[in-house]
């Protein structure tokens, strides 16, 4: 059995303002991708604190990570923050490669 593609959406701090829109946009993409899962989570900011860095209002951090069947991380993760449409395109490209 192959790896699981985890798509994690931050719902902490300033990310909470945009996370619902991002989750709803990503849900159909993740559902149609075999062995992918969508996870709502706490802070994903690389420095441990959420903020509206380059994404602006309505954005949140999304991290993509390949995992083993028992959800242990495999390799490096990829993070993206931006508007919903840009985030969707980044996640779609990552899932196509995963």
C-alpha atoms as a PDB file:
ATOM      1  CA  UNK A   1       0.000   0.000   0.000  1.00  0.00           C
ATOM      2  CA  UNK A   2       1.347   3.437  -0.948  1.00  0.00           C
ATOM      3  CA  UNK A   3       1.791   6.538   1.159  1.00  0.00           C
ATOM      4  CA  UNK A   4      -1.025   8.750   2.354  1.00  0.00           C
ATOM      5  CA  UNK A   5      -1.082  12.351   1.149  1.00  0.00           C
ATOM      6  CA  UNK A   6      -2.055  14.542   4.118  1.00  0.00           C
ATOM      7  CA  UNK A   7      -3.284  18.073   3.373  1.00  0.00           C
ATOM      8  CA  UNK A   8      -3.356  20.001   6.658  1.00  0.00           C
ATOM      9  CA  UNK A   9      -5.148  23.345   7.056  1.00  0.00           C
ATOM     10  CA  UNK A  10      -4.284  25.632   9.982  1.00  0.00           C
ATOM     11  CA  UNK A  11      -7.232  26.968  11.983  1.00  0.00           C
ATOM     12  CA  UNK A  12      -5.227  28.871  14.600  1.00  0.00           C
ATOM     13  CA  UNK A  13      -4.988  32.619  15.187  1.00  0.00           C
ATOM     14  CA  UNK A  14      -5.233  34.757  12.059  1.00  0.00           C
ATOM     15  CA  UNK A  15      -5.512  31.636   9.895  1.00  0.00           C
ATOM     16  CA  UNK A  16      -8.951  30.937  11.397  1.00  0.00           C
ATOM     17  CA  UNK A  17     -10.418  33.780   9.317  1.00  0.00           C
ATOM     18  CA  UNK A  18      -9.658  32.050   6.008  1.00  0.00           C
ATOM     19  CA  UNK A  19      -9.513  28.370   6.907  1.00  0.00           C
ATOM     20  CA  UNK A  20     -13.198  27.552   6.296  1.00  0.00           C
ATOM     21  CA  UNK A  21     -13.056  28.840   2.717  1.00  0.00           C
ATOM     22  CA  UNK A  22      -9.815  26.948   2.084  1.00  0.00           C
ATOM     23  CA  UNK A  23     -11.195  23.691   3.538  1.00  0.00           C
ATOM     24  CA  UNK A  24     -14.357  23.944   1.440  1.00  0.00           C
ATOM     25  CA  UNK A  25     -12.333  24.653  -1.714  1.00  0.00           C
ATOM     26  CA  UNK A  26      -9.911  21.772  -1.088  1.00  0.00           C
ATOM     27  CA  UNK A  27     -12.470  19.175   0.045  1.00  0.00           C
ATOM     28  CA  UNK A  28     -13.588  18.014  -3.459  1.00  0.00           C
ATOM     29  CA  UNK A  29      -9.976  17.901  -4.656  1.00  0.00           C
ATOM     30  CA  UNK A  30      -8.864  15.745  -1.724  1.00  0.00           C
ATOM     31  CA  UNK A  31     -11.952  13.503  -1.881  1.00  0.00           C
ATOM     32  CA  UNK A  32     -11.277  12.570  -5.502  1.00  0.00           C
ATOM     33  CA  UNK A  33      -7.582  11.853  -4.847  1.00  0.00           C
ATOM     34  CA  UNK A  34      -6.881   8.247  -3.797  1.00  0.00           C
ATOM     35  CA  UNK A  35      -5.141   7.916  -0.414  1.00  0.00           C
ATOM     36  CA  UNK A  36      -5.437  11.626   0.403  1.00  0.00           C
ATOM     37  CA  UNK A  37      -6.848  13.118   3.578  1.00  0.00           C
ATOM     38  CA  UNK A  38      -7.818  16.640   4.613  1.00  0.00           C
ATOM     39  CA  UNK A  39      -6.962  17.608   8.191  1.00  0.00           C
ATOM     40  CA  UNK A  40      -7.893  20.717  10.197  1.00  0.00           C
ATOM     41  CA  UNK A  41      -5.104  21.431  12.642  1.00  0.00           C
ATOM     42  CA  UNK A  42      -3.469  23.904  15.009  1.00  0.00           C
ATOM     43  CA  UNK A  43      -0.649  26.257  13.999  1.00  0.00           C
ATOM     44  CA  UNK A  44       1.405  25.251  10.945  1.00  0.00           C
ATOM     45  CA  UNK A  45       3.519  28.406  10.693  1.00  0.00           C
ATOM     46  CA  UNK A  46       7.209  27.451  10.417  1.00  0.00           C
ATOM     47  CA  UNK A  47       8.124  29.788  13.291  1.00  0.00           C
ATOM     48  CA  UNK A  48       5.344  28.565  15.564  1.00  0.00           C
ATOM     49  CA  UNK A  49       3.041  31.558  15.259  1.00  0.00           C
ATOM     50  CA  UNK A  50       0.340  32.207  12.709  1.00  0.00           C
ATOM     51  CA  UNK A  51       0.081  35.457  10.922  1.00  0.00           C
ATOM     52  CA  UNK A  52      -1.137  36.946   7.720  1.00  0.00           C
ATOM     53  CA  UNK A  53       2.348  36.947   6.224  1.00  0.00           C
ATOM     54  CA  UNK A  54       2.246  37.022   2.445  1.00  0.00           C
ATOM     55  CA  UNK A  55      -1.260  35.613   2.071  1.00  0.00           C
ATOM     56  CA  UNK A  56      -3.309  38.566   3.267  1.00  0.00           C
ATOM     57  CA  UNK A  57      -6.860  38.488   4.541  1.00  0.00           C
ATOM     58  CA  UNK A  58      -8.782  35.303   3.802  1.00  0.00           C
ATOM     59  CA  UNK A  59      -5.677  33.132   3.645  1.00  0.00           C
ATOM     60  CA  UNK A  60      -4.284  30.474   5.945  1.00  0.00           C
ATOM     61  CA  UNK A  61      -1.318  28.114   6.106  1.00  0.00           C
ATOM     62  CA  UNK A  62      -1.668  24.760   4.368  1.00  0.00           C
ATOM     63  CA  UNK A  63       0.982  22.054   4.742  1.00  0.00           C
ATOM     64  CA  UNK A  64       1.199  18.946   2.578  1.00  0.00           C
ATOM     65  CA  UNK A  65       2.987  15.852   3.875  1.00  0.00           C
ATOM     66  CA  UNK A  66       3.335  12.312   2.614  1.00  0.00           C
ATOM     67  CA  UNK A  67       2.796   9.825   5.449  1.00  0.00           C
ATOM     68  CA  UNK A  68       3.021   6.090   6.009  1.00  0.00           C
ATOM     69  CA  UNK A  69      -0.172   4.077   6.489  1.00  0.00           C
ATOM     70  CA  UNK A  70       0.056   4.705  10.245  1.00  0.00           C
ATOM     71  CA  UNK A  71       0.444   8.475   9.623  1.00  0.00           C
ATOM     72  CA  UNK A  72       4.169   8.827  10.290  1.00  0.00           C
ATOM     73  CA  UNK A  73       5.674  11.649   8.200  1.00  0.00           C
ATOM     74  CA  UNK A  74       7.791  10.635   5.201  1.00  0.00           C
ATOM     75  CA  UNK A  75      10.327  13.107   3.848  1.00  0.00           C
ATOM     76  CA  UNK A  76       9.987  16.854   3.768  1.00  0.00           C
ATOM     77  CA  UNK A  77       6.655  18.628   3.865  1.00  0.00           C
ATOM     78  CA  UNK A  78       5.564  21.476   1.608  1.00  0.00           C
ATOM     79  CA  UNK A  79       3.806  24.593   2.899  1.00  0.00           C
ATOM     80  CA  UNK A  80       1.785  27.234   1.103  1.00  0.00           C
ATOM     81  CA  UNK A  81      -0.088  30.328   2.216  1.00  0.00           C
ATOM     82  CA  UNK A  82      -2.170  32.482  -0.037  1.00  0.00           C
ATOM     83  CA  UNK A  83      -5.585  33.231  -1.423  1.00  0.00           C
ATOM     84  CA  UNK A  84      -7.963  30.299  -1.876  1.00  0.00           C
ATOM     85  CA  UNK A  85      -7.466  29.933  -5.653  1.00  0.00           C
ATOM     86  CA  UNK A  86      -3.669  30.038  -5.423  1.00  0.00           C
ATOM     87  CA  UNK A  87      -3.649  27.566  -2.537  1.00  0.00           C
ATOM     88  CA  UNK A  88      -5.938  25.208  -4.481  1.00  0.00           C
ATOM     89  CA  UNK A  89      -3.589  25.226  -7.484  1.00  0.00           C
ATOM     90  CA  UNK A  90      -0.535  24.517  -5.307  1.00  0.00           C
ATOM     91  CA  UNK A  91      -2.265  21.635  -3.509  1.00  0.00           C
ATOM     92  CA  UNK A  92      -3.552  20.243  -6.814  1.00  0.00           C
ATOM     93  CA  UNK A  93      -0.010  20.219  -8.267  1.00  0.00           C
ATOM     94  CA  UNK A  94       1.377  18.584  -5.123  1.00  0.00           C
ATOM     95  CA  UNK A  95      -1.311  15.873  -5.104  1.00  0.00           C
ATOM     96  CA  UNK A  96      -0.631  15.146  -8.782  1.00  0.00           C
ATOM     97  CA  UNK A  97       3.026  14.484  -7.901  1.00  0.00           C
ATOM     98  CA  UNK A  98       2.356  12.648  -4.615  1.00  0.00           C
END
